[in-house]
C-alpha atoms as a PDB file:
ATOM      1  CA  MET A   1      81.192  89.377 114.711  1.00  0.00           C
ATOM      2  CA  ALA A   2      82.494  87.342 117.710  1.00  0.00           C
ATOM      3  CA  PRO A   3      79.696  88.286 120.156  1.00  0.00           C
ATOM      4  CA  SER A   4      77.085  86.924 117.740  1.00  0.00           C
ATOM      5  CA  LEU A   5      78.793  83.526 117.380  1.00  0.00           C
ATOM      6  CA  LYS A   6      78.313  80.496 119.641  1.00  0.00           C
ATOM      7  CA  ALA A   7      80.353  77.267 119.572  1.00  0.00           C
ATOM      8  CA  ASP A   8      81.286  74.293 121.732  1.00  0.00           C
ATOM      9  CA  VAL A   9      85.032  74.997 121.437  1.00  0.00           C
ATOM     10  CA  VAL A  10      87.284  77.735 120.077  1.00  0.00           C
ATOM     11  CA  PHE A  11      90.804  76.821 118.885  1.00  0.00           C
ATOM     12  CA  LEU A  12      93.133  79.813 118.733  1.00  0.00           C
ATOM     13  CA  ALA A  13      96.337  79.659 116.713  1.00  0.00           C
ATOM     14  CA  PRO A  14      97.209  83.278 115.945  1.00  0.00           C
ATOM     15  CA  PRO A  15     100.329  83.938 113.883  1.00  0.00           C
ATOM     16  CA  TRP A  16     103.348  84.220 116.188  1.00  0.00           C
ATOM     17  CA  GLY A  17     106.128  82.846 114.030  1.00  0.00           C
ATOM     18  CA  GLY A  18     108.955  84.750 112.437  1.00  0.00           C
ATOM     19  CA  PRO A  19     112.625  85.174 113.204  1.00  0.00           C
ATOM     20  CA  ASP A  20     112.312  87.060 116.505  1.00  0.00           C
ATOM     21  CA  TYR A  21     110.213  84.755 118.665  1.00  0.00           C
ATOM     22  CA  LYS A  22     112.776  81.926 118.711  1.00  0.00           C
ATOM     23  CA  VAL A  23     115.542  84.041 120.193  1.00  0.00           C
ATOM     24  CA  ALA A  24     113.441  85.837 122.802  1.00  0.00           C
ATOM     25  CA  GLU A  25     113.872  84.492 126.321  1.00  0.00           C
ATOM     26  CA  SER A  26     110.177  85.052 126.959  1.00  0.00           C
ATOM     27  CA  PHE A  27     107.446  85.575 124.370  1.00  0.00           C
ATOM     28  CA  ASP A  28     105.084  88.439 125.266  1.00  0.00           C
ATOM     29  CA  LEU A  29     101.431  87.560 124.660  1.00  0.00           C
ATOM     30  CA  GLU A  30     100.534  91.193 124.031  1.00  0.00           C
ATOM     31  CA  LYS A  31     103.363  92.253 121.727  1.00  0.00           C
ATOM     32  CA  GLY A  32     104.278  89.011 119.969  1.00  0.00           C
ATOM     33  CA  ILE A  33     100.967  88.095 118.323  1.00  0.00           C
ATOM     34  CA  PHE A  34     100.832  89.355 114.732  1.00  0.00           C
ATOM     35  CA  SER A  35      97.445  90.996 114.986  1.00  0.00           C
ATOM     36  CA  PRO A  36      96.092  94.486 115.464  1.00  0.00           C
ATOM     37  CA  TYR A  37      94.927  93.117 118.855  1.00  0.00           C
ATOM     38  CA  GLY A  38      96.980  91.716 121.701  1.00  0.00           C
ATOM     39  CA  GLY A  39      96.769  88.082 122.709  1.00  0.00           C
ATOM     40  CA  SER A  40      94.542  88.749 125.719  1.00  0.00           C
ATOM     41  CA  LEU A  41      91.964  90.631 123.627  1.00  0.00           C
ATOM     42  CA  ILE A  42      91.844  87.724 121.169  1.00  0.00           C
ATOM     43  CA  TYR A  43      91.168  85.436 124.143  1.00  0.00           C
ATOM     44  CA  LYS A  44      88.512  87.759 125.584  1.00  0.00           C
ATOM     45  CA  LEU A  45      86.667  87.986 122.253  1.00  0.00           C
ATOM     46  CA  SER A  46      86.824  84.205 121.919  1.00  0.00           C
ATOM     47  CA  SER A  47      85.444  83.697 125.419  1.00  0.00           C
ATOM     48  CA  SER A  48      82.219  85.363 124.275  1.00  0.00           C
ATOM     49  CA  ILE A  49      81.877  82.496 121.769  1.00  0.00           C
ATOM     50  CA  SER A  50      82.710  79.661 124.194  1.00  0.00           C
ATOM     51  CA  GLU A  51      84.362  79.199 127.595  1.00  0.00           C
ATOM     52  CA  ASN A  52      86.097  76.118 126.146  1.00  0.00           C
ATOM     53  CA  ILE A  53      89.225  77.513 124.515  1.00  0.00           C
ATOM     54  CA  ALA A  54      92.438  75.880 123.324  1.00  0.00           C
ATOM     55  CA  TYR A  55      95.198  78.463 122.732  1.00  0.00           C
ATOM     56  CA  PHE A  56      98.236  77.309 120.683  1.00  0.00           C
ATOM     57  CA  LEU A  57     101.264  79.402 121.625  1.00  0.00           C
ATOM     58  CA  PRO A  58     105.079  79.393 121.278  1.00  0.00           C
ATOM     59  CA  ARG A  59     107.190  77.299 123.630  1.00  0.00           C
ATOM     60  CA  ASN A  60     108.729  80.368 125.271  1.00  0.00           C
ATOM     61  CA  ILE A  61     105.411  82.083 126.089  1.00  0.00           C
ATOM     62  CA  ASN A  62     105.272  84.068 129.303  1.00  0.00           C
ATOM     63  CA  THR A  63     103.132  81.549 131.233  1.00  0.00           C
ATOM     64  CA  ASP A  64     102.216  84.167 133.841  1.00  0.00           C
ATOM     65  CA  GLN A  65     100.327  86.008 131.092  1.00  0.00           C
ATOM     66  CA  VAL A  66      98.550  82.795 130.086  1.00  0.00           C
ATOM     67  CA  VAL A  67      97.516  82.099 133.687  1.00  0.00           C
ATOM     68  CA  MET A  68      96.147  85.645 133.974  1.00  0.00           C
ATOM     69  CA  LEU A  69      93.763  84.919 131.074  1.00  0.00           C
ATOM     70  CA  ALA A  70      91.866  82.481 133.301  1.00  0.00           C
ATOM     71  CA  GLY A  71      90.996  85.322 135.659  1.00  0.00           C
ATOM     72  CA  PRO A  72      90.564  85.227 139.435  1.00  0.00           C
ATOM     73  CA  GLY A  73      89.674  81.723 140.579  1.00  0.00           C
ATOM     74  CA  GLY A  74      89.887  80.426 136.999  1.00  0.00           C
ATOM     75  CA  GLN A  75      91.910  77.482 135.790  1.00  0.00           C
ATOM     76  CA  VAL A  76      94.179  76.751 132.854  1.00  0.00           C
ATOM     77  CA  GLU A  77      95.996  73.577 131.850  1.00  0.00           C
ATOM     78  CA  ILE A  78      99.237  74.042 129.927  1.00  0.00           C
ATOM     79  CA  GLU A  79     100.377  71.176 127.713  1.00  0.00           C
ATOM     80  CA  GLN A  80     103.831  71.046 126.160  1.00  0.00           C
ATOM     81  CA  ASN A  81     103.873  70.023 122.485  1.00  0.00           C
ATOM     82  CA  PHE A  82     106.925  68.074 121.297  1.00  0.00           C
ATOM     83  CA  LEU A  83     108.105  67.120 117.833  1.00  0.00           C
ATOM     84  CA  GLY A  84     110.386  64.188 118.493  1.00  0.00           C
ATOM     85  CA  LYS A  85     112.332  65.286 121.559  1.00  0.00           C
ATOM     86  CA  LYS A  86     112.129  69.014 120.813  1.00  0.00           C
ATOM     87  CA  LEU A  87     109.633  71.276 122.581  1.00  0.00           C
ATOM     88  CA  VAL A  88     107.999  73.264 119.776  1.00  0.00           C
ATOM     89  CA  ALA A  89     104.940  74.923 121.337  1.00  0.00           C
ATOM     90  CA  ILE A  90     102.439  74.832 124.166  1.00  0.00           C
ATOM     91  CA  THR A  91      98.665  74.572 124.153  1.00  0.00           C
ATOM     92  CA  ALA A  92      96.710  76.230 126.957  1.00  0.00           C
ATOM     93  CA  TYR A  93      93.287  74.732 127.721  1.00  0.00           C
ATOM     94  CA  PHE A  94      90.443  76.592 129.402  1.00  0.00           C
ATOM     95  CA  GLY A  95      86.916  75.663 130.489  1.00  0.00           C
ATOM     96  CA  GLU A  96      85.766  72.076 130.108  1.00  0.00           C
ATOM     97  CA  LEU A  97      88.868  71.229 128.054  1.00  0.00           C
ATOM     98  CA  ILE A  98      90.883  70.935 131.254  1.00  0.00           C
ATOM     99  CA  HIS A  99      91.509  67.302 132.261  1.00  0.00           C
ATOM    100  CA  GLU A 100      90.796  66.796 135.937  1.00  0.00           C
END
C-alpha cells in the first residue's frame, strides 16, 4: 500500500522495546526492529510516501546505520530525546525536517 500513499511527513516509531535492547551496546537497525522487515526497508517504503521522515529509535542505535539511510550526499539530523536527565531515545530527521 505504501507506494500509493502520499503525505507531507511520515513519523516512524516501529516497536523496538523489550528486555534485550537496553543491555545491547549498540542497537542494530536491521535485527532489532520487531517487524518482518528490517529498519532500512521500513525507511525505504516510507520514503516513497514522503521524503520528510522522522524516525524514532532507541538511544543506543547504531548511528552509522541511520546515516546510511540518507544515502550518498543525503543528510540526517539526529536529536537526542531526554526524560529528565536520562537519554531515552533519539529521533532522526530527514528531508525538509532538518533544521539548517
